[in-house]
Amino acid sequence: AGYRTTVENSVYVHREHQRRGVGRLLLTALLDVARSSGFHTVIARIDSQSVGSIALHKSLGFVEVGVERQIGRKFGRWLDSIIMQRFLSD
């Protein structure tokens, strides 16, 4: 119950539809729903190599608040996650 005002987002856009504004539309709609639902903050965990997703989140007001190092493994390499956060209310 202590974290009931926090929500985490994950937005995935198929490769064929990237760089067309789809991610921005989805994330903007998600933020609107989160705000109207009474959430206070939104968290995103993003692969450190996903520069497009990191840039999108930054452009919509998210800030980097941490890094989780080597928490996953894919294609023979370790993955780091960037933790980003955006407040929806004061």
PDB file of N, CA and C in Angstrom:
ATOM      1  N   ALA A   1       0.823  -1.200   0.000  1.00  0.00           N
ATOM      2  CA  ALA A   1       0.000   0.000   0.000  1.00  0.00           C
ATOM      3  C   ALA A   1       0.863   1.258   0.000  1.00  0.00           C
ATOM      4  N   GLY A   2       2.102   1.150   0.441  1.00  0.00           N
ATOM      5  CA  GLY A   2       2.972   2.313   0.512  1.00  0.00           C
ATOM      6  C   GLY A   2       3.373   2.871  -0.844  1.00  0.00           C
ATOM      7  N   TYR A   3       3.279   2.048  -1.892  1.00  0.00           N
ATOM      8  CA  TYR A   3       3.688   2.481  -3.234  1.00  0.00           C
ATOM      9  C   TYR A   3       2.487   2.591  -4.181  1.00  0.00           C
ATOM     10  N   ARG A   4       1.303   2.708  -3.628  1.00  0.00           N
ATOM     11  CA  ARG A   4       0.099   2.704  -4.462  1.00  0.00           C
ATOM     12  C   ARG A   4      -0.027   3.932  -5.366  1.00  0.00           C
ATOM     13  N   THR A   5       0.763   4.963  -5.117  1.00  0.00           N
ATOM     14  CA  THR A   5       0.709   6.165  -5.958  1.00  0.00           C
ATOM     15  C   THR A   5       1.791   6.162  -7.042  1.00  0.00           C
ATOM     16  N   THR A   6       2.506   5.042  -7.164  1.00  0.00           N
ATOM     17  CA  THR A   6       3.577   4.901  -8.159  1.00  0.00           C
ATOM     18  C   THR A   6       3.185   3.838  -9.177  1.00  0.00           C
ATOM     19  N   VAL A   7       3.487   4.098 -10.429  1.00  0.00           N
ATOM     20  CA  VAL A   7       3.211   3.144 -11.497  1.00  0.00           C
ATOM     21  C   VAL A   7       4.458   3.052 -12.379  1.00  0.00           C
ATOM     22  N   GLU A   8       4.665   1.874 -12.974  1.00  0.00           N
ATOM     23  CA  GLU A   8       5.805   1.674 -13.872  1.00  0.00           C
ATOM     24  C   GLU A   8       5.293   1.498 -15.297  1.00  0.00           C
ATOM     25  N   ASN A   9       5.980   2.099 -16.255  1.00  0.00           N
ATOM     26  CA  ASN A   9       5.550   1.978 -17.651  1.00  0.00           C
ATOM     27  C   ASN A   9       6.544   1.169 -18.467  1.00  0.00           C
ATOM     28  N   SER A  10       6.008   0.523 -19.487  1.00  0.00           N
ATOM     29  CA  SER A  10       6.799  -0.156 -20.513  1.00  0.00           C
ATOM     30  C   SER A  10       6.091   0.081 -21.833  1.00  0.00           C
ATOM     31  N   VAL A  11       6.771   0.696 -22.775  1.00  0.00           N
ATOM     32  CA  VAL A  11       6.199   0.961 -24.092  1.00  0.00           C
ATOM     33  C   VAL A  11       7.110   0.318 -25.126  1.00  0.00           C
ATOM     34  N   TYR A  12       6.545  -0.558 -25.918  1.00  0.00           N
ATOM     35  CA  TYR A  12       7.303  -1.220 -26.977  1.00  0.00           C
ATOM     36  C   TYR A  12       6.627  -0.932 -28.310  1.00  0.00           C
ATOM     37  N   VAL A  13       7.403  -0.510 -29.284  1.00  0.00           N
ATOM     38  CA  VAL A  13       6.892  -0.227 -30.623  1.00  0.00           C
ATOM     39  C   VAL A  13       7.620  -1.145 -31.602  1.00  0.00           C
ATOM     40  N   HIS A  14       6.853  -1.840 -32.423  1.00  0.00           N
ATOM     41  CA  HIS A  14       7.433  -2.734 -33.425  1.00  0.00           C
ATOM     42  C   HIS A  14       8.418  -1.959 -34.298  1.00  0.00           C
ATOM     43  N   ARG A  15       9.504  -2.606 -34.631  1.00  0.00           N
ATOM     44  CA  ARG A  15      10.581  -1.985 -35.408  1.00  0.00           C
ATOM     45  C   ARG A  15      10.069  -1.277 -36.672  1.00  0.00           C
ATOM     46  N   GLU A  16       9.093  -1.866 -37.347  1.00  0.00           N
ATOM     47  CA  GLU A  16       8.568  -1.271 -38.584  1.00  0.00           C
ATOM     48  C   GLU A  16       7.838   0.052 -38.343  1.00  0.00           C
ATOM     49  N   HIS A  17       7.443   0.303 -37.101  1.00  0.00           N
ATOM     50  CA  HIS A  17       6.661   1.505 -36.789  1.00  0.00           C
ATOM     51  C   HIS A  17       7.437   2.519 -35.952  1.00  0.00           C
ATOM     52  N   GLN A  18       8.711   2.255 -35.696  1.00  0.00           N
ATOM     53  CA  GLN A  18       9.520   3.187 -34.910  1.00  0.00           C
ATOM     54  C   GLN A  18       9.838   4.438 -35.716  1.00  0.00           C
ATOM     55  N   ARG A  19      10.103   5.525 -34.986  1.00  0.00           N
ATOM     56  CA  ARG A  19      10.481   6.820 -35.555  1.00  0.00           C
ATOM     57  C   ARG A  19       9.355   7.453 -36.370  1.00  0.00           C
ATOM     58  N   ARG A  20       8.111   7.135 -35.972  1.00  0.00           N
ATOM     59  CA  ARG A  20       6.930   7.719 -36.612  1.00  0.00           C
ATOM     60  C   ARG A  20       6.046   8.448 -35.600  1.00  0.00           C
ATOM     61  N   GLY A  21       6.516   8.565 -34.361  1.00  0.00           N
ATOM     62  CA  GLY A  21       5.730   9.240 -33.336  1.00  0.00           C
ATOM     63  C   GLY A  21       4.787   8.342 -32.562  1.00  0.00           C
ATOM     64  N   VAL A  22       4.801   7.045 -32.859  1.00  0.00           N
ATOM     65  CA  VAL A  22       3.900   6.109 -32.186  1.00  0.00           C
ATOM     66  C   VAL A  22       4.226   6.017 -30.699  1.00  0.00           C
ATOM     67  N   GLY A  23       5.506   5.890 -30.375  1.00  0.00           N
ATOM     68  CA  GLY A  23       5.914   5.799 -28.971  1.00  0.00           C
ATOM     69  C   GLY A  23       5.514   7.034 -28.186  1.00  0.00           C
ATOM     70  N   ARG A  24       5.692   8.208 -28.778  1.00  0.00           N
ATOM     71  CA  ARG A  24       5.313   9.467 -28.120  1.00  0.00           C
ATOM     72  C   ARG A  24       3.805   9.504 -27.857  1.00  0.00           C
ATOM     73  N   LEU A  25       3.012   9.093 -28.854  1.00  0.00           N
ATOM     74  CA  LEU A  25       1.558   9.064 -28.673  1.00  0.00           C
ATOM     75  C   LEU A  25       1.162   8.112 -27.551  1.00  0.00           C
ATOM     76  N   LEU A  26       1.749   6.917 -27.551  1.00  0.00           N
ATOM     77  CA  LEU A  26       1.424   5.930 -26.523  1.00  0.00           C
ATOM     78  C   LEU A  26       1.827   6.409 -25.132  1.00  0.00           C
ATOM     79  N   LEU A  27       3.051   6.911 -25.006  1.00  0.00           N
ATOM     80  CA  LEU A  27       3.537   7.333 -23.695  1.00  0.00           C
ATOM     81  C   LEU A  27       2.783   8.562 -23.197  1.00  0.00           C
ATOM     82  N   THR A  28       2.446   9.488 -24.082  1.00  0.00           N
ATOM     83  CA  THR A  28       1.664  10.662 -23.690  1.00  0.00           C
ATOM     84  C   THR A  28       0.285  10.242 -23.187  1.00  0.00           C
ATOM     85  N   ALA A  29      -0.358   9.315 -23.891  1.00  0.00           N
ATOM     86  CA  ALA A  29      -1.665   8.811 -23.456  1.00  0.00           C
ATOM     87  C   ALA A  29      -1.548   8.096 -22.115  1.00  0.00           C
ATOM     88  N   LEU A  30      -0.496   7.301 -21.953  1.00  0.00           N
ATOM     89  CA  LEU A  30      -0.272   6.595 -20.698  1.00  0.00           C
ATOM     90  C   LEU A  30      -0.112   7.579 -19.542  1.00  0.00           C
ATOM     91  N   LEU A  31       0.650   8.653 -19.754  1.00  0.00           N
ATOM     92  CA  LEU A  31       0.848   9.663 -18.710  1.00  0.00           C
ATOM     93  C   LEU A  31      -0.462  10.359 -18.366  1.00  0.00           C
ATOM     94  N   ASP A  32      -1.286  10.639 -19.370  1.00  0.00           N
ATOM     95  CA  ASP A  32      -2.589  11.264 -19.123  1.00  0.00           C
ATOM     96  C   ASP A  32      -3.478  10.364 -18.271  1.00  0.00           C
ATOM     97  N   VAL A  33      -3.516   9.075 -18.596  1.00  0.00           N
ATOM     98  CA  VAL A  33      -4.328   8.124 -17.832  1.00  0.00           C
ATOM     99  C   VAL A  33      -3.788   7.983 -16.410  1.00  0.00           C
ATOM    100  N   ALA A  34      -2.473   7.903 -16.271  1.00  0.00           N
ATOM    101  CA  ALA A  34      -1.873   7.786 -14.933  1.00  0.00           C
ATOM    102  C   ALA A  34      -2.220   9.004 -14.082  1.00  0.00           C
ATOM    103  N   ARG A  35      -2.130  10.186 -14.660  1.00  0.00           N
ATOM    104  CA  ARG A  35      -2.441  11.429 -13.940  1.00  0.00           C
ATOM    105  C   ARG A  35      -3.913  11.452 -13.527  1.00  0.00           C
ATOM    106  N   SER A  36      -4.796  11.165 -14.466  1.00  0.00           N
ATOM    107  CA  SER A  36      -6.233  11.212 -14.167  1.00  0.00           C
ATOM    108  C   SER A  36      -6.655  10.101 -13.210  1.00  0.00           C
ATOM    109  N   SER A  37      -5.840   9.062 -13.090  1.00  0.00           N
ATOM    110  CA  SER A  37      -6.119   7.969 -12.155  1.00  0.00           C
ATOM    111  C   SER A  37      -5.565   8.242 -10.765  1.00  0.00           C
ATOM    112  N   GLY A  38      -4.896   9.377 -10.595  1.00  0.00           N
ATOM    113  CA  GLY A  38      -4.419   9.769  -9.279  1.00  0.00           C
ATOM    114  C   GLY A  38      -3.018   9.320  -8.920  1.00  0.00           C
ATOM    115  N   PHE A  39      -2.269   8.800  -9.883  1.00  0.00           N
ATOM    116  CA  PHE A  39      -0.889   8.416  -9.587  1.00  0.00           C
ATOM    117  C   PHE A  39      -0.027   9.663  -9.423  1.00  0.00           C
ATOM    118  N   HIS A  40       1.005   9.545  -8.603  1.00  0.00           N
ATOM    119  CA  HIS A  40       1.894  10.666  -8.298  1.00  0.00           C
ATOM    120  C   HIS A  40       3.176  10.633  -9.128  1.00  0.00           C
ATOM    121  N   THR A  41       3.676   9.430  -9.400  1.00  0.00           N
ATOM    122  CA  THR A  41       4.948   9.308 -10.117  1.00  0.00           C
ATOM    123  C   THR A  41       4.937   8.085 -11.030  1.00  0.00           C
ATOM    124  N   VAL A  42       5.676   8.196 -12.136  1.00  0.00           N
ATOM    125  CA  VAL A  42       5.813   7.104 -13.098  1.00  0.00           C
ATOM    126  C   VAL A  42       7.290   6.742 -13.191  1.00  0.00           C
ATOM    127  N   ILE A  43       7.565   5.451 -13.138  1.00  0.00           N
ATOM    128  CA  ILE A  43       8.924   4.918 -13.216  1.00  0.00           C
ATOM    129  C   ILE A  43       9.076   4.158 -14.537  1.00  0.00           C
ATOM    130  N   ALA A  44      10.255   4.248 -15.139  1.00  0.00           N
ATOM    131  CA  ALA A  44      10.573   3.458 -16.334  1.00  0.00           C
ATOM    132  C   ALA A  44      11.940   2.817 -16.136  1.00  0.00           C
ATOM    133  N   ARG A  45      12.055   1.552 -16.478  1.00  0.00           N
ATOM    134  CA  ARG A  45      13.344   0.854 -16.491  1.00  0.00           C
ATOM    135  C   ARG A  45      13.649   0.539 -17.949  1.00  0.00           C
ATOM    136  N   ILE A  46      14.741   1.110 -18.460  1.00  0.00           N
ATOM    137  CA  ILE A  46      15.030   1.056 -19.889  1.00  0.00           C
ATOM    138  C   ILE A  46      16.430   0.495 -20.105  1.00  0.00           C
ATOM    139  N   ASP A  47      16.566  -0.435 -21.047  1.00  0.00           N
ATOM    140  CA  ASP A  47      17.882  -0.962 -21.415  1.00  0.00           C
ATOM    141  C   ASP A  47      18.790   0.219 -21.761  1.00  0.00           C
ATOM    142  N   SER A  48      19.973   0.226 -21.196  1.00  0.00           N
ATOM    143  CA  SER A  48      20.888   1.358 -21.383  1.00  0.00           C
ATOM    144  C   SER A  48      21.278   1.567 -22.847  1.00  0.00           C
ATOM    145  N   GLN A  49      21.092   0.555 -23.690  1.00  0.00           N
ATOM    146  CA  GLN A  49      21.407   0.674 -25.116  1.00  0.00           C
ATOM    147  C   GLN A  49      20.240   1.227 -25.935  1.00  0.00           C
ATOM    148  N   SER A  50      19.078   1.380 -25.315  1.00  0.00           N
ATOM    149  CA  SER A  50      17.882   1.869 -26.018  1.00  0.00           C
ATOM    150  C   SER A  50      17.854   3.393 -26.008  1.00  0.00           C
ATOM    151  N   VAL A  51      18.765   3.977 -26.783  1.00  0.00           N
ATOM    152  CA  VAL A  51      18.926   5.435 -26.760  1.00  0.00           C
ATOM    153  C   VAL A  51      17.666   6.163 -27.219  1.00  0.00           C
ATOM    154  N   GLY A  52      16.911   5.581 -28.139  1.00  0.00           N
ATOM    155  CA  GLY A  52      15.673   6.200 -28.590  1.00  0.00           C
ATOM    156  C   GLY A  52      14.645   6.290 -27.483  1.00  0.00           C
ATOM    157  N   SER A  53      14.507   5.220 -26.722  1.00  0.00           N
ATOM    158  CA  SER A  53      13.550   5.206 -25.615  1.00  0.00           C
ATOM    159  C   SER A  53      13.974   6.169 -24.507  1.00  0.00           C
ATOM    160  N   ILE A  54      15.257   6.199 -24.224  1.00  0.00           N
ATOM    161  CA  ILE A  54      15.765   7.128 -23.205  1.00  0.00           C
ATOM    162  C   ILE A  54      15.496   8.566 -23.640  1.00  0.00           C
ATOM    163  N   ALA A  55      15.769   8.876 -24.903  1.00  0.00           N
ATOM    164  CA  ALA A  55      15.526  10.229 -25.422  1.00  0.00           C
ATOM    165  C   ALA A  55      14.042  10.581 -25.381  1.00  0.00           C
ATOM    166  N   LEU A  56      13.185   9.635 -25.740  1.00  0.00           N
ATOM    167  CA  LEU A  56      11.741   9.869 -25.693  1.00  0.00           C
ATOM    168  C   LEU A  56      11.299  10.204 -24.277  1.00  0.00           C
ATOM    169  N   HIS A  57      11.720   9.392 -23.320  1.00  0.00           N
ATOM    170  CA  HIS A  57      11.333   9.634 -21.928  1.00  0.00           C
ATOM    171  C   HIS A  57      11.845  10.991 -21.446  1.00  0.00           C
ATOM    172  N   LYS A  58      13.089  11.323 -21.769  1.00  0.00           N
ATOM    173  CA  LYS A  58      13.628  12.636 -21.377  1.00  0.00           C
ATOM    174  C   LYS A  58      12.798  13.765 -21.976  1.00  0.00           C
ATOM    175  N   SER A  59      12.410  13.624 -23.234  1.00  0.00           N
ATOM    176  CA  SER A  59      11.647  14.679 -23.907  1.00  0.00           C
ATOM    177  C   SER A  59      10.271  14.874 -23.285  1.00  0.00           C
ATOM    178  N   LEU A  60       9.784  13.864 -22.568  1.00  0.00           N
ATOM    179  CA  LEU A  60       8.483  13.960 -21.909  1.00  0.00           C
ATOM    180  C   LEU A  60       8.617  14.208 -20.408  1.00  0.00           C
ATOM    181  N   GLY A  61       9.793  14.658 -19.988  1.00  0.00           N
ATOM    182  CA  GLY A  61       9.960  15.102 -18.613  1.00  0.00           C
ATOM    183  C   GLY A  61      10.515  14.096 -17.632  1.00  0.00           C
ATOM    184  N   PHE A  62      10.895  12.914 -18.096  1.00  0.00           N
ATOM    185  CA  PHE A  62      11.506  11.931 -17.208  1.00  0.00           C
ATOM    186  C   PHE A  62      12.960  12.322 -16.955  1.00  0.00           C
ATOM    187  N   VAL A  63      13.449  12.004 -15.764  1.00  0.00           N
ATOM    188  CA  VAL A  63      14.856  12.217 -15.435  1.00  0.00           C
ATOM    189  C   VAL A  63      15.460  10.895 -14.978  1.00  0.00           C
ATOM    190  N   GLU A  64      16.749  10.732 -15.247  1.00  0.00           N
ATOM    191  CA  GLU A  64      17.455   9.530 -14.816  1.00  0.00           C
ATOM    192  C   GLU A  64      17.701   9.609 -13.320  1.00  0.00           C
ATOM    193  N   VAL A  65      17.305   8.554 -12.600  1.00  0.00           N
ATOM    194  CA  VAL A  65      17.484   8.533 -11.150  1.00  0.00           C
ATOM    195  C   VAL A  65      18.367   7.380 -10.680  1.00  0.00           C
ATOM    196  N   GLY A  66      18.784   6.512 -11.610  1.00  0.00           N
ATOM    197  CA  GLY A  66      19.656   5.420 -11.200  1.00  0.00           C
ATOM    198  C   GLY A  66      19.971   4.467 -12.335  1.00  0.00           C
ATOM    199  N   VAL A  67      20.880   3.550 -12.032  1.00  0.00           N
ATOM    200  CA  VAL A  67      21.280   2.515 -12.988  1.00  0.00           C
ATOM    201  C   VAL A  67      21.344   1.194 -12.241  1.00  0.00           C
ATOM    202  N   GLU A  68      20.739   0.160 -12.818  1.00  0.00           N
ATOM    203  CA  GLU A  68      20.873  -1.201 -12.302  1.00  0.00           C
ATOM    204  C   GLU A  68      21.868  -1.898 -13.221  1.00  0.00           C
ATOM    205  N   ARG A  69      23.009  -2.262 -12.692  1.00  0.00           N
ATOM    206  CA  ARG A  69      24.108  -2.808 -13.491  1.00  0.00           C
ATOM    207  C   ARG A  69      24.009  -4.331 -13.633  1.00  0.00           C
ATOM    208  N   GLN A  70      24.218  -4.795 -14.846  1.00  0.00           N
ATOM    209  CA  GLN A  70      24.303  -6.224 -15.168  1.00  0.00           C
ATOM    210  C   GLN A  70      23.156  -7.023 -14.554  1.00  0.00           C
ATOM    211  N   ILE A  71      21.921  -6.552 -14.779  1.00  0.00           N
ATOM    212  CA  ILE A  71      20.775  -7.253 -14.198  1.00  0.00           C
ATOM    213  C   ILE A  71      20.143  -8.257 -15.161  1.00  0.00           C
ATOM    214  N   GLY A  72      20.590  -8.252 -16.403  1.00  0.00           N
ATOM    215  CA  GLY A  72      20.082  -9.200 -17.379  1.00  0.00           C
ATOM    216  C   GLY A  72      21.180  -9.591 -18.347  1.00  0.00           C
ATOM    217  N   ARG A  73      20.892 -10.627 -19.122  1.00  0.00           N
ATOM    218  CA  ARG A  73      21.875 -11.095 -20.092  1.00  0.00           C
ATOM    219  C   ARG A  73      21.133 -11.432 -21.372  1.00  0.00           C
ATOM    220  N   LYS A  74      21.640 -10.925 -22.503  1.00  0.00           N
ATOM    221  CA  LYS A  74      20.988 -11.138 -23.787  1.00  0.00           C
ATOM    222  C   LYS A  74      22.054 -11.103 -24.877  1.00  0.00           C
ATOM    223  N   PHE A  75      21.977 -12.048 -25.793  1.00  0.00           N
ATOM    224  CA  PHE A  75      22.927 -12.123 -26.910  1.00  0.00           C
ATOM    225  C   PHE A  75      24.375 -12.129 -26.428  1.00  0.00           C
ATOM    226  N   GLY A  76      24.629 -12.827 -25.321  1.00  0.00           N
ATOM    227  CA  GLY A  76      25.983 -12.984 -24.812  1.00  0.00           C
ATOM    228  C   GLY A  76      26.567 -11.776 -24.109  1.00  0.00           C
ATOM    229  N   ARG A  77      25.739 -10.795 -23.782  1.00  0.00           N
ATOM    230  CA  ARG A  77      26.271  -9.624 -23.072  1.00  0.00           C
ATOM    231  C   ARG A  77      25.365  -9.269 -21.895  1.00  0.00           C
ATOM    232  N   TRP A  78      25.959  -8.625 -20.912  1.00  0.00           N
ATOM    233  CA  TRP A  78      25.217  -8.165 -19.749  1.00  0.00           C
ATOM    234  C   TRP A  78      24.433  -6.904 -20.095  1.00  0.00           C
ATOM    235  N   LEU A  79      23.268  -6.767 -19.488  1.00  0.00           N
ATOM    236  CA  LEU A  79      22.416  -5.604 -19.717  1.00  0.00           C
ATOM    237  C   LEU A  79      22.325  -4.747 -18.463  1.00  0.00           C
ATOM    238  N   ASP A  80      22.441  -3.449 -18.652  1.00  0.00           N
ATOM    239  CA  ASP A  80      22.185  -2.481 -17.587  1.00  0.00           C
ATOM    240  C   ASP A  80      20.825  -1.852 -17.853  1.00  0.00           C
ATOM    241  N   SER A  81      20.128  -1.489 -16.794  1.00  0.00           N
ATOM    242  CA  SER A  81      18.864  -0.768 -16.931  1.00  0.00           C
ATOM    243  C   SER A  81      19.010   0.627 -16.360  1.00  0.00           C
ATOM    244  N   ILE A  82      18.538   1.602 -17.116  1.00  0.00           N
ATOM    245  CA  ILE A  82      18.469   2.981 -16.656  1.00  0.00           C
ATOM    246  C   ILE A  82      17.108   3.149 -15.992  1.00  0.00           C
ATOM    247  N   ILE A  83      17.092   3.692 -14.791  1.00  0.00           N
ATOM    248  CA  ILE A  83      15.831   3.970 -14.107  1.00  0.00           C
ATOM    249  C   ILE A  83      15.515   5.445 -14.302  1.00  0.00           C
ATOM    250  N   MET A  84      14.324   5.704 -14.851  1.00  0.00           N
ATOM    251  CA  MET A  84      13.897   7.080 -15.079  1.00  0.00           C
ATOM    252  C   MET A  84      12.587   7.317 -14.332  1.00  0.00           C
ATOM    253  N   GLN A  85      12.348   8.567 -13.957  1.00  0.00           N
ATOM    254  CA  GLN A  85      11.173   8.896 -13.158  1.00  0.00           C
ATOM    255  C   GLN A  85      10.584  10.231 -13.609  1.00  0.00           C
ATOM    256  N   ARG A  86       9.262  10.304 -13.530  1.00  0.00           N
ATOM    257  CA  ARG A  86       8.573  11.573 -13.784  1.00  0.00           C
ATOM    258  C   ARG A  86       7.461  11.737 -12.756  1.00  0.00           C
ATOM    259  N   PHE A  87       7.428  12.916 -12.130  1.00  0.00           N
ATOM    260  CA  PHE A  87       6.337  13.242 -11.219  1.00  0.00           C
ATOM    261  C   PHE A  87       5.167  13.776 -12.028  1.00  0.00           C
ATOM    262  N   LEU A  88       3.963  13.400 -11.629  1.00  0.00           N
ATOM    263  CA  LEU A  88       2.757  13.837 -12.316  1.00  0.00           C
ATOM    264  C   LEU A  88       2.068  14.988 -11.599  1.00  0.00           C
ATOM    265  N   SER A  89       2.403  15.168 -10.339  1.00  0.00           N
ATOM    266  CA  SER A  89       1.780  16.229  -9.547  1.00  0.00           C
ATOM    267  C   SER A  89       2.833  16.849  -8.646  1.00  0.00           C
ATOM    268  N   ASP A  90       2.482  17.976  -8.052  1.00  0.00           N
ATOM    269  CA  ASP A  90       3.426  18.680  -7.167  1.00  0.00           C
ATOM    270  C   ASP A  90       3.599  17.995  -5.837  1.00  0.00           C
TER     271      ASP A  90
END
